[in-house]
Amino acid sequence: MRWNLIIDELLAQWNMNKIQPSNLSDATKEKYMKYGEVILRYFKGMDTEDIKPSFYQEQFNVLAQGAGKDYVQRVDSIVKRMIAFAQADGLSVRDFTVGFEIFSKRPRN
């Protein structure tokens, strides 16, 4: 049986269990919150099952229009870690980041 896993819920669980209790500085935790806002801007309310690799690529292509490659890589890395977190809990989450490439129009930073 597959449970619906909304990206918002996955992000909140990952943040609550992996970021907030960590020894990261408050400034770094705040950066993670900002990256989370970016993820929600493109995927809010979506079931992870409905996010296909092609849609993920399309959304990140839009993000990359106004962001540097490093920034896009950081946001993608968080999504990958969220997926791994859910999978480690035994949840059936397809890795929709497979095959993702960054096509940023801006320099690395």
PDB file of N, CA and C in Angstrom:
ATOM      1  N   MET A   1       0.847  -1.190   0.000  1.00  0.00           N
ATOM      2  CA  MET A   1       0.000   0.000   0.000  1.00  0.00           C
ATOM      3  C   MET A   1       0.888   1.247   0.000  1.00  0.00           C
ATOM      4  N   ARG A   2       0.518   2.212  -0.785  1.00  0.00           N
ATOM      5  CA  ARG A   2       1.276   3.453  -0.851  1.00  0.00           C
ATOM      6  C   ARG A   2       0.499   4.564  -0.169  1.00  0.00           C
ATOM      7  N   TRP A   3       1.205   5.286   0.665  1.00  0.00           N
ATOM      8  CA  TRP A   3       0.606   6.436   1.337  1.00  0.00           C
ATOM      9  C   TRP A   3       0.902   7.683   0.538  1.00  0.00           C
ATOM     10  N   ASN A   4      -0.036   8.609   0.528  1.00  0.00           N
ATOM     11  CA  ASN A   4       0.226   9.892  -0.111  1.00  0.00           C
ATOM     12  C   ASN A   4       1.270  10.629   0.701  1.00  0.00           C
ATOM     13  N   LEU A   5       2.248  11.167   0.032  1.00  0.00           N
ATOM     14  CA  LEU A   5       3.299  11.920   0.694  1.00  0.00           C
ATOM     15  C   LEU A   5       3.425  13.262  -0.010  1.00  0.00           C
ATOM     16  N   ILE A   6       2.869  14.270   0.613  1.00  0.00           N
ATOM     17  CA  ILE A   6       2.885  15.617   0.064  1.00  0.00           C
ATOM     18  C   ILE A   6       4.255  16.233   0.348  1.00  0.00           C
ATOM     19  N   ILE A   7       4.794  16.913  -0.640  1.00  0.00           N
ATOM     20  CA  ILE A   7       6.141  17.481  -0.512  1.00  0.00           C
ATOM     21  C   ILE A   7       6.255  18.400   0.698  1.00  0.00           C
ATOM     22  N   ASP A   8       5.202  19.146   1.010  1.00  0.00           N
ATOM     23  CA  ASP A   8       5.217  20.049   2.163  1.00  0.00           C
ATOM     24  C   ASP A   8       5.459  19.266   3.453  1.00  0.00           C
ATOM     25  N   GLU A   9       4.762  18.126   3.583  1.00  0.00           N
ATOM     26  CA  GLU A   9       4.890  17.289   4.778  1.00  0.00           C
ATOM     27  C   GLU A   9       6.277  16.662   4.869  1.00  0.00           C
ATOM     28  N   LEU A  10       6.774  16.218   3.733  1.00  0.00           N
ATOM     29  CA  LEU A  10       8.108  15.628   3.704  1.00  0.00           C
ATOM     30  C   LEU A  10       9.160  16.660   4.104  1.00  0.00           C
ATOM     31  N   LEU A  11       9.051  17.864   3.567  1.00  0.00           N
ATOM     32  CA  LEU A  11       9.981  18.936   3.915  1.00  0.00           C
ATOM     33  C   LEU A  11       9.912  19.251   5.405  1.00  0.00           C
ATOM     34  N   ALA A  12       8.704  19.342   5.951  1.00  0.00           N
ATOM     35  CA  ALA A  12       8.529  19.654   7.376  1.00  0.00           C
ATOM     36  C   ALA A  12       9.129  18.554   8.255  1.00  0.00           C
ATOM     37  N   GLN A  13       8.893  17.294   7.904  1.00  0.00           N
ATOM     38  CA  GLN A  13       9.445  16.176   8.681  1.00  0.00           C
ATOM     39  C   GLN A  13      10.967  16.151   8.614  1.00  0.00           C
ATOM     40  N   TRP A  14      11.509  16.366   7.426  1.00  0.00           N
ATOM     41  CA  TRP A  14      12.958  16.363   7.245  1.00  0.00           C
ATOM     42  C   TRP A  14      13.579  17.497   8.065  1.00  0.00           C
ATOM     43  N   ASN A  15      12.977  18.677   7.994  1.00  0.00           N
ATOM     44  CA  ASN A  15      13.476  19.831   8.738  1.00  0.00           C
ATOM     45  C   ASN A  15      13.422  19.575  10.257  1.00  0.00           C
ATOM     46  N   MET A  16      12.297  19.049  10.710  1.00  0.00           N
ATOM     47  CA  MET A  16      12.100  18.817  12.143  1.00  0.00           C
ATOM     48  C   MET A  16      13.052  17.749  12.692  1.00  0.00           C
ATOM     49  N   ASN A  17      13.341  16.737  11.887  1.00  0.00           N
ATOM     50  CA  ASN A  17      14.159  15.622  12.362  1.00  0.00           C
ATOM     51  C   ASN A  17      15.639  15.717  12.027  1.00  0.00           C
ATOM     52  N   LYS A  18      15.974  16.411  10.977  1.00  0.00           N
ATOM     53  CA  LYS A  18      17.369  16.453  10.531  1.00  0.00           C
ATOM     54  C   LYS A  18      18.050  17.815  10.692  1.00  0.00           C
ATOM     55  N   ILE A  19      17.314  18.896  10.553  1.00  0.00           N
ATOM     56  CA  ILE A  19      17.946  20.217  10.575  1.00  0.00           C
ATOM     57  C   ILE A  19      17.830  20.872  11.946  1.00  0.00           C
ATOM     58  N   GLN A  20      16.624  21.009  12.451  1.00  0.00           N
ATOM     59  CA  GLN A  20      16.428  21.740  13.706  1.00  0.00           C
ATOM     60  C   GLN A  20      17.192  21.150  14.900  1.00  0.00           C
ATOM     61  N   PRO A  21      17.243  19.824  15.082  1.00  0.00           N
ATOM     62  CA  PRO A  21      17.985  19.308  16.231  1.00  0.00           C
ATOM     63  C   PRO A  21      19.503  19.235  16.020  1.00  0.00           C
ATOM     64  N   SER A  22      19.965  19.584  14.830  1.00  0.00           N
ATOM     65  CA  SER A  22      21.399  19.474  14.519  1.00  0.00           C
ATOM     66  C   SER A  22      22.198  20.570  15.217  1.00  0.00           C
ATOM     67  N   ASN A  23      23.500  20.447  15.121  1.00  0.00           N
ATOM     68  CA  ASN A  23      24.418  21.436  15.705  1.00  0.00           C
ATOM     69  C   ASN A  23      24.749  22.560  14.725  1.00  0.00           C
ATOM     70  N   LEU A  24      23.984  22.666  13.666  1.00  0.00           N
ATOM     71  CA  LEU A  24      24.211  23.736  12.701  1.00  0.00           C
ATOM     72  C   LEU A  24      23.954  25.086  13.357  1.00  0.00           C
ATOM     73  N   SER A  25      24.620  26.109  12.857  1.00  0.00           N
ATOM     74  CA  SER A  25      24.392  27.456  13.384  1.00  0.00           C
ATOM     75  C   SER A  25      22.985  27.913  13.031  1.00  0.00           C
ATOM     76  N   ASP A  26      22.503  28.884  13.765  1.00  0.00           N
ATOM     77  CA  ASP A  26      21.173  29.435  13.475  1.00  0.00           C
ATOM     78  C   ASP A  26      21.126  30.022  12.063  1.00  0.00           C
ATOM     79  N   ALA A  27      22.221  30.629  11.635  1.00  0.00           N
ATOM     80  CA  ALA A  27      22.270  31.207  10.290  1.00  0.00           C
ATOM     81  C   ALA A  27      22.135  30.117   9.227  1.00  0.00           C
ATOM     82  N   THR A  28      22.780  28.986   9.439  1.00  0.00           N
ATOM     83  CA  THR A  28      22.693  27.878   8.484  1.00  0.00           C
ATOM     84  C   THR A  28      21.291  27.286   8.484  1.00  0.00           C
ATOM     85  N   LYS A  29      20.710  27.154   9.664  1.00  0.00           N
ATOM     86  CA  LYS A  29      19.333  26.649   9.741  1.00  0.00           C
ATOM     87  C   LYS A  29      18.384  27.584   9.003  1.00  0.00           C
ATOM     88  N   GLU A  30      18.629  28.865   9.107  1.00  0.00           N
ATOM     89  CA  GLU A  30      17.798  29.843   8.406  1.00  0.00           C
ATOM     90  C   GLU A  30      17.950  29.683   6.892  1.00  0.00           C
ATOM     91  N   LYS A  31      19.171  29.392   6.423  1.00  0.00           N
ATOM     92  CA  LYS A  31      19.377  29.156   4.992  1.00  0.00           C
ATOM     93  C   LYS A  31      18.577  27.946   4.525  1.00  0.00           C
ATOM     94  N   TYR A  32      18.561  26.897   5.353  1.00  0.00           N
ATOM     95  CA  TYR A  32      17.769  25.720   5.005  1.00  0.00           C
ATOM     96  C   TYR A  32      16.295  26.075   4.900  1.00  0.00           C
ATOM     97  N   MET A  33      15.825  26.957   5.762  1.00  0.00           N
ATOM     98  CA  MET A  33      14.424  27.387   5.697  1.00  0.00           C
ATOM     99  C   MET A  33      14.163  28.127   4.383  1.00  0.00           C
ATOM    100  N   LYS A  34      15.104  28.950   3.965  1.00  0.00           N
ATOM    101  CA  LYS A  34      14.954  29.692   2.697  1.00  0.00           C
ATOM    102  C   LYS A  34      14.939  28.739   1.505  1.00  0.00           C
ATOM    103  N   TYR A  35      15.818  27.736   1.527  1.00  0.00           N
ATOM    104  CA  TYR A  35      15.825  26.745   0.453  1.00  0.00           C
ATOM    105  C   TYR A  35      14.492  25.998   0.435  1.00  0.00           C
ATOM    106  N   GLY A  36      13.966  25.706   1.618  1.00  0.00           N
ATOM    107  CA  GLY A  36      12.669  25.045   1.717  1.00  0.00           C
ATOM    108  C   GLY A  36      11.564  25.879   1.101  1.00  0.00           C
ATOM    109  N   GLU A  37      11.622  27.177   1.293  1.00  0.00           N
ATOM    110  CA  GLU A  37      10.631  28.073   0.682  1.00  0.00           C
ATOM    111  C   GLU A  37      10.703  27.995  -0.840  1.00  0.00           C
ATOM    112  N   VAL A  38      11.907  27.864  -1.364  1.00  0.00           N
ATOM    113  CA  VAL A  38      12.078  27.737  -2.817  1.00  0.00           C
ATOM    114  C   VAL A  38      11.450  26.426  -3.292  1.00  0.00           C
ATOM    115  N   ILE A  39      11.703  25.352  -2.579  1.00  0.00           N
ATOM    116  CA  ILE A  39      11.119  24.054  -2.940  1.00  0.00           C
ATOM    117  C   ILE A  39       9.595  24.159  -2.955  1.00  0.00           C
ATOM    118  N   LEU A  40       9.037  24.792  -1.940  1.00  0.00           N
ATOM    119  CA  LEU A  40       7.580  24.932  -1.873  1.00  0.00           C
ATOM    120  C   LEU A  40       7.038  25.844  -2.969  1.00  0.00           C
ATOM    121  N   ARG A  41       7.818  26.810  -3.391  1.00  0.00           N
ATOM    122  CA  ARG A  41       7.380  27.707  -4.468  1.00  0.00           C
ATOM    123  C   ARG A  41       7.074  26.906  -5.737  1.00  0.00           C
ATOM    124  N   TYR A  42       7.841  25.851  -5.970  1.00  0.00           N
ATOM    125  CA  TYR A  42       7.686  25.079  -7.197  1.00  0.00           C
ATOM    126  C   TYR A  42       6.883  23.790  -7.027  1.00  0.00           C
ATOM    127  N   PHE A  43       6.770  23.284  -5.784  1.00  0.00           N
ATOM    128  CA  PHE A  43       6.162  21.963  -5.591  1.00  0.00           C
ATOM    129  C   PHE A  43       5.114  21.914  -4.475  1.00  0.00           C
ATOM    130  N   LYS A  44       4.715  23.043  -3.942  1.00  0.00           N
ATOM    131  CA  LYS A  44       3.775  23.084  -2.815  1.00  0.00           C
ATOM    132  C   LYS A  44       2.491  22.317  -3.110  1.00  0.00           C
ATOM    133  N   GLY A  45       2.116  21.483  -2.155  1.00  0.00           N
ATOM    134  CA  GLY A  45       0.867  20.739  -2.248  1.00  0.00           C
ATOM    135  C   GLY A  45       0.899  19.529  -3.166  1.00  0.00           C
ATOM    136  N   MET A  46       2.042  19.260  -3.770  1.00  0.00           N
ATOM    137  CA  MET A  46       2.131  18.143  -4.706  1.00  0.00           C
ATOM    138  C   MET A  46       2.464  16.845  -3.982  1.00  0.00           C
ATOM    139  N   ASP A  47       1.802  15.787  -4.398  1.00  0.00           N
ATOM    140  CA  ASP A  47       2.132  14.445  -3.932  1.00  0.00           C
ATOM    141  C   ASP A  47       3.435  14.050  -4.629  1.00  0.00           C
ATOM    142  N   THR A  48       4.353  13.456  -3.899  1.00  0.00           N
ATOM    143  CA  THR A  48       5.634  13.073  -4.501  1.00  0.00           C
ATOM    144  C   THR A  48       5.434  12.122  -5.675  1.00  0.00           C
ATOM    145  N   GLU A  49       4.359  11.344  -5.638  1.00  0.00           N
ATOM    146  CA  GLU A  49       4.065  10.406  -6.729  1.00  0.00           C
ATOM    147  C   GLU A  49       3.744  11.147  -8.029  1.00  0.00           C
ATOM    148  N   ASP A  50       3.261  12.374  -7.914  1.00  0.00           N
ATOM    149  CA  ASP A  50       2.876  13.157  -9.092  1.00  0.00           C
ATOM    150  C   ASP A  50       4.024  13.966  -9.680  1.00  0.00           C
ATOM    151  N   ILE A  51       5.158  13.986  -8.998  1.00  0.00           N
ATOM    152  CA  ILE A  51       6.314  14.744  -9.500  1.00  0.00           C
ATOM    153  C   ILE A  51       7.153  13.804 -10.361  1.00  0.00           C
ATOM    154  N   LYS A  52       7.093  14.003 -11.632  1.00  0.00           N
ATOM    155  CA  LYS A  52       7.851  13.190 -12.589  1.00  0.00           C
ATOM    156  C   LYS A  52       9.194  13.863 -12.852  1.00  0.00           C
ATOM    157  N   PRO A  53      10.214  13.073 -13.237  1.00  0.00           N
ATOM    158  CA  PRO A  53      11.519  13.673 -13.530  1.00  0.00           C
ATOM    159  C   PRO A  53      11.444  14.819 -14.544  1.00  0.00           C
ATOM    160  N   SER A  54      10.597  14.698 -15.550  1.00  0.00           N
ATOM    161  CA  SER A  54      10.495  15.770 -16.554  1.00  0.00           C
ATOM    162  C   SER A  54       9.926  17.048 -15.930  1.00  0.00           C
ATOM    163  N   PHE A  55       8.938  16.917 -15.042  1.00  0.00           N
ATOM    164  CA  PHE A  55       8.369  18.085 -14.373  1.00  0.00           C
ATOM    165  C   PHE A  55       9.404  18.712 -13.435  1.00  0.00           C
ATOM    166  N   TYR A  56      10.133  17.863 -12.703  1.00  0.00           N
ATOM    167  CA  TYR A  56      11.194  18.344 -11.804  1.00  0.00           C
ATOM    168  C   TYR A  56      12.215  19.152 -12.603  1.00  0.00           C
ATOM    169  N   GLN A  57      12.640  18.610 -13.745  1.00  0.00           N
ATOM    170  CA  GLN A  57      13.607  19.305 -14.601  1.00  0.00           C
ATOM    171  C   GLN A  57      13.046  20.634 -15.072  1.00  0.00           C
ATOM    172  N   GLU A  58      11.786  20.653 -15.506  1.00  0.00           N
ATOM    173  CA  GLU A  58      11.155  21.890 -15.973  1.00  0.00           C
ATOM    174  C   GLU A  58      11.157  22.964 -14.886  1.00  0.00           C
ATOM    175  N   GLN A  59      10.790  22.567 -13.683  1.00  0.00           N
ATOM    176  CA  GLN A  59      10.716  23.532 -12.586  1.00  0.00           C
ATOM    177  C   GLN A  59      12.100  24.081 -12.247  1.00  0.00           C
ATOM    178  N   PHE A  60      13.100  23.210 -12.244  1.00  0.00           N
ATOM    179  CA  PHE A  60      14.453  23.672 -11.932  1.00  0.00           C
ATOM    180  C   PHE A  60      15.044  24.486 -13.081  1.00  0.00           C
ATOM    181  N   ASN A  61      14.610  24.247 -14.294  1.00  0.00           N
ATOM    182  CA  ASN A  61      15.038  25.101 -15.403  1.00  0.00           C
ATOM    183  C   ASN A  61      14.533  26.521 -15.186  1.00  0.00           C
ATOM    184  N   VAL A  62      13.309  26.650 -14.696  1.00  0.00           N
ATOM    185  CA  VAL A  62      12.756  27.973 -14.386  1.00  0.00           C
ATOM    186  C   VAL A  62      13.574  28.618 -13.270  1.00  0.00           C
ATOM    187  N   LEU A  63      13.836  27.864 -12.198  1.00  0.00           N
ATOM    188  CA  LEU A  63      14.645  28.382 -11.084  1.00  0.00           C
ATOM    189  C   LEU A  63      16.011  28.844 -11.581  1.00  0.00           C
ATOM    190  N   ALA A  64      16.618  28.054 -12.453  1.00  0.00           N
ATOM    191  CA  ALA A  64      17.972  28.344 -12.929  1.00  0.00           C
ATOM    192  C   ALA A  64      18.039  29.600 -13.802  1.00  0.00           C
ATOM    193  N   GLN A  65      16.903  30.067 -14.293  1.00  0.00           N
ATOM    194  CA  GLN A  65      16.897  31.296 -15.089  1.00  0.00           C
ATOM    195  C   GLN A  65      17.376  32.492 -14.270  1.00  0.00           C
ATOM    196  N   GLY A  66      17.097  32.461 -12.966  1.00  0.00           N
ATOM    197  CA  GLY A  66      17.464  33.603 -12.136  1.00  0.00           C
ATOM    198  C   GLY A  66      18.393  33.274 -10.994  1.00  0.00           C
ATOM    199  N   ALA A  67      18.950  32.070 -10.988  1.00  0.00           N
ATOM    200  CA  ALA A  67      19.819  31.661  -9.882  1.00  0.00           C
ATOM    201  C   ALA A  67      21.098  31.052 -10.429  1.00  0.00           C
ATOM    202  N   GLY A  68      22.166  31.188  -9.657  1.00  0.00           N
ATOM    203  CA  GLY A  68      23.439  30.600 -10.041  1.00  0.00           C
ATOM    204  C   GLY A  68      23.448  29.095  -9.863  1.00  0.00           C
ATOM    205  N   LYS A  69      24.399  28.460 -10.497  1.00  0.00           N
ATOM    206  CA  LYS A  69      24.495  26.993 -10.474  1.00  0.00           C
ATOM    207  C   LYS A  69      24.646  26.455  -9.052  1.00  0.00           C
ATOM    208  N   ASP A  70      25.468  27.093  -8.220  1.00  0.00           N
ATOM    209  CA  ASP A  70      25.662  26.625  -6.844  1.00  0.00           C
ATOM    210  C   ASP A  70      24.354  26.622  -6.072  1.00  0.00           C
ATOM    211  N   TYR A  71      23.569  27.670  -6.230  1.00  0.00           N
ATOM    212  CA  TYR A  71      22.297  27.784  -5.527  1.00  0.00           C
ATOM    213  C   TYR A  71      21.350  26.669  -5.962  1.00  0.00           C
ATOM    214  N   VAL A  72      21.262  26.451  -7.260  1.00  0.00           N
ATOM    215  CA  VAL A  72      20.387  25.405  -7.792  1.00  0.00           C
ATOM    216  C   VAL A  72      20.853  24.039  -7.284  1.00  0.00           C
ATOM    217  N   GLN A  73      22.154  23.805  -7.246  1.00  0.00           N
ATOM    218  CA  GLN A  73      22.684  22.540  -6.731  1.00  0.00           C
ATOM    219  C   GLN A  73      22.315  22.339  -5.266  1.00  0.00           C
ATOM    220  N   ARG A  74      22.368  23.395  -4.474  1.00  0.00           N
ATOM    221  CA  ARG A  74      22.016  23.290  -3.058  1.00  0.00           C
ATOM    222  C   ARG A  74      20.550  22.901  -2.880  1.00  0.00           C
ATOM    223  N   VAL A  75      19.681  23.538  -3.633  1.00  0.00           N
ATOM    224  CA  VAL A  75      18.253  23.225  -3.527  1.00  0.00           C
ATOM    225  C   VAL A  75      18.011  21.779  -3.970  1.00  0.00           C
ATOM    226  N   ASP A  76      18.614  21.364  -5.074  1.00  0.00           N
ATOM    227  CA  ASP A  76      18.483  19.985  -5.552  1.00  0.00           C
ATOM    228  C   ASP A  76      19.010  18.998  -4.509  1.00  0.00           C
ATOM    229  N   SER A  77      20.122  19.326  -3.876  1.00  0.00           N
ATOM    230  CA  SER A  77      20.697  18.453  -2.848  1.00  0.00           C
ATOM    231  C   SER A  77      19.736  18.242  -1.683  1.00  0.00           C
ATOM    232  N   ILE A  78      19.033  19.274  -1.298  1.00  0.00           N
ATOM    233  CA  ILE A  78      18.060  19.158  -0.209  1.00  0.00           C
ATOM    234  C   ILE A  78      16.922  18.227  -0.623  1.00  0.00           C
ATOM    235  N   VAL A  79      16.428  18.374  -1.847  1.00  0.00           N
ATOM    236  CA  VAL A  79      15.360  17.494  -2.322  1.00  0.00           C
ATOM    237  C   VAL A  79      15.840  16.045  -2.306  1.00  0.00           C
ATOM    238  N   LYS A  80      17.053  15.788  -2.775  1.00  0.00           N
ATOM    239  CA  LYS A  80      17.605  14.436  -2.774  1.00  0.00           C
ATOM    240  C   LYS A  80      17.690  13.880  -1.344  1.00  0.00           C
ATOM    241  N   ARG A  81      18.102  14.707  -0.399  1.00  0.00           N
ATOM    242  CA  ARG A  81      18.204  14.255   0.992  1.00  0.00           C
ATOM    243  C   ARG A  81      16.832  14.016   1.599  1.00  0.00           C
ATOM    244  N   MET A  82      15.836  14.803   1.204  1.00  0.00           N
ATOM    245  CA  MET A  82      14.465  14.575   1.666  1.00  0.00           C
ATOM    246  C   MET A  82      13.954  13.222   1.167  1.00  0.00           C
ATOM    247  N   ILE A  83      14.228  12.914  -0.090  1.00  0.00           N
ATOM    248  CA  ILE A  83      13.800  11.639  -0.666  1.00  0.00           C
ATOM    249  C   ILE A  83      14.488  10.484   0.059  1.00  0.00           C
ATOM    250  N   ALA A  84      15.790  10.589   0.280  1.00  0.00           N
ATOM    251  CA  ALA A  84      16.537   9.541   0.984  1.00  0.00           C
ATOM    252  C   ALA A  84      16.001   9.353   2.404  1.00  0.00           C
ATOM    253  N   PHE A  85      15.634  10.438   3.066  1.00  0.00           N
ATOM    254  CA  PHE A  85      15.063  10.397   4.409  1.00  0.00           C
ATOM    255  C   PHE A  85      13.769   9.585   4.410  1.00  0.00           C
ATOM    256  N   ALA A  86      12.893   9.855   3.452  1.00  0.00           N
ATOM    257  CA  ALA A  86      11.620   9.129   3.353  1.00  0.00           C
ATOM    258  C   ALA A  86      11.850   7.658   3.023  1.00  0.00           C
ATOM    259  N   GLN A  87      12.757   7.392   2.103  1.00  0.00           N
ATOM    260  CA  GLN A  87      13.050   6.007   1.725  1.00  0.00           C
ATOM    261  C   GLN A  87      13.643   5.230   2.893  1.00  0.00           C
ATOM    262  N   ALA A  88      14.488   5.873   3.696  1.00  0.00           N
ATOM    263  CA  ALA A  88      15.075   5.207   4.859  1.00  0.00           C
ATOM    264  C   ALA A  88      14.002   4.818   5.876  1.00  0.00           C
ATOM    265  N   ASP A  89      12.903   5.566   5.877  1.00  0.00           N
ATOM    266  CA  ASP A  89      11.767   5.241   6.749  1.00  0.00           C
ATOM    267  C   ASP A  89      10.885   4.155   6.136  1.00  0.00           C
ATOM    268  N   GLY A  90      11.269   3.664   4.980  1.00  0.00           N
ATOM    269  CA  GLY A  90      10.509   2.601   4.329  1.00  0.00           C
ATOM    270  C   GLY A  90       9.351   3.091   3.490  1.00  0.00           C
ATOM    271  N   LEU A  91       9.292   4.388   3.246  1.00  0.00           N
ATOM    272  CA  LEU A  91       8.218   4.936   2.422  1.00  0.00           C
ATOM    273  C   LEU A  91       8.549   4.750   0.945  1.00  0.00           C
ATOM    274  N   SER A  92       7.540   4.508   0.173  1.00  0.00           N
ATOM    275  CA  SER A  92       7.704   4.301  -1.251  1.00  0.00           C
ATOM    276  C   SER A  92       7.716   5.652  -1.964  1.00  0.00           C
ATOM    277  N   VAL A  93       8.907   6.184  -2.136  1.00  0.00           N
ATOM    278  CA  VAL A  93       9.060   7.469  -2.814  1.00  0.00           C
ATOM    279  C   VAL A  93      10.008   7.261  -3.983  1.00  0.00           C
ATOM    280  N   ARG A  94       9.488   7.467  -5.184  1.00  0.00           N
ATOM    281  CA  ARG A  94      10.319   7.355  -6.373  1.00  0.00           C
ATOM    282  C   ARG A  94      11.261   8.549  -6.414  1.00  0.00           C
ATOM    283  N   ASP A  95      12.499   8.306  -6.784  1.00  0.00           N
ATOM    284  CA  ASP A  95      13.468   9.405  -6.875  1.00  0.00           C
ATOM    285  C   ASP A  95      13.262  10.143  -8.191  1.00  0.00           C
ATOM    286  N   PHE A  96      12.466  11.196  -8.124  1.00  0.00           N
ATOM    287  CA  PHE A  96      12.156  11.974  -9.319  1.00  0.00           C
ATOM    288  C   PHE A  96      13.286  12.911  -9.713  1.00  0.00           C
ATOM    289  N   THR A  97      14.395  12.907  -8.952  1.00  0.00           N
ATOM    290  CA  THR A  97      15.545  13.744  -9.299  1.00  0.00           C
ATOM    291  C   THR A  97      16.513  13.038 -10.243  1.00  0.00           C
ATOM    292  N   VAL A  98      16.271  11.770 -10.537  1.00  0.00           N
ATOM    293  CA  VAL A  98      17.160  10.990 -11.396  1.00  0.00           C
ATOM    294  C   VAL A  98      17.262  11.657 -12.765  1.00  0.00           C
ATOM    295  N   GLY A  99      18.478  11.829 -13.230  1.00  0.00           N
ATOM    296  CA  GLY A  99      18.718  12.413 -14.543  1.00  0.00           C
ATOM    297  C   GLY A  99      18.701  13.930 -14.576  1.00  0.00           C
ATOM    298  N   PHE A 100      18.518  14.552 -13.419  1.00  0.00           N
ATOM    299  CA  PHE A 100      18.450  16.007 -13.362  1.00  0.00           C
ATOM    300  C   PHE A 100      19.775  16.640 -13.776  1.00  0.00           C
ATOM    301  N   GLU A 101      19.681  17.691 -14.593  1.00  0.00           N
ATOM    302  CA  GLU A 101      20.852  18.462 -14.999  1.00  0.00           C
ATOM    303  C   GLU A 101      20.579  19.936 -14.754  1.00  0.00           C
ATOM    304  N   ILE A 102      21.628  20.669 -14.442  1.00  0.00           N
ATOM    305  CA  ILE A 102      21.498  22.102 -14.181  1.00  0.00           C
ATOM    306  C   ILE A 102      21.892  22.879 -15.422  1.00  0.00           C
ATOM    307  N   PHE A 103      20.978  23.742 -15.847  1.00  0.00           N
ATOM    308  CA  PHE A 103      21.206  24.606 -16.997  1.00  0.00           C
ATOM    309  C   PHE A 103      21.030  26.045 -16.555  1.00  0.00           C
ATOM    310  N   SER A 104      21.946  26.514 -15.718  1.00  0.00           N
ATOM    311  CA  SER A 104      21.846  27.859 -15.171  1.00  0.00           C
ATOM    312  C   SER A 104      22.367  28.879 -16.171  1.00  0.00           C
ATOM    313  N   LYS A 105      21.698  30.012 -16.210  1.00  0.00           N
ATOM    314  CA  LYS A 105      22.120  31.109 -17.084  1.00  0.00           C
ATOM    315  C   LYS A 105      23.113  32.044 -16.385  1.00  0.00           C
ATOM    316  N   ARG A 106      23.196  31.879 -15.057  1.00  0.00           N
ATOM    317  CA  ARG A 106      24.069  32.764 -14.280  1.00  0.00           C
ATOM    318  C   ARG A 106      25.342  32.026 -13.875  1.00  0.00           C
ATOM    319  N   PRO A 107      26.380  32.769 -13.534  1.00  0.00           N
ATOM    320  CA  PRO A 107      27.618  32.134 -13.062  1.00  0.00           C
ATOM    321  C   PRO A 107      27.373  31.334 -11.788  1.00  0.00           C
ATOM    322  N   ARG A 108      28.373  30.599 -11.357  1.00  0.00           N
ATOM    323  CA  ARG A 108      28.257  29.700 -10.203  1.00  0.00           C
ATOM    324  C   ARG A 108      27.702  30.395  -8.971  1.00  0.00           C
ATOM    325  N   ASN A 109      28.073  31.600  -8.684  1.00  0.00           N
ATOM    326  CA  ASN A 109      27.571  32.281  -7.468  1.00  0.00           C
ATOM    327  C   ASN A 109      26.770  33.485  -7.781  1.00  0.00           C
TER     328      ASN A 109
END
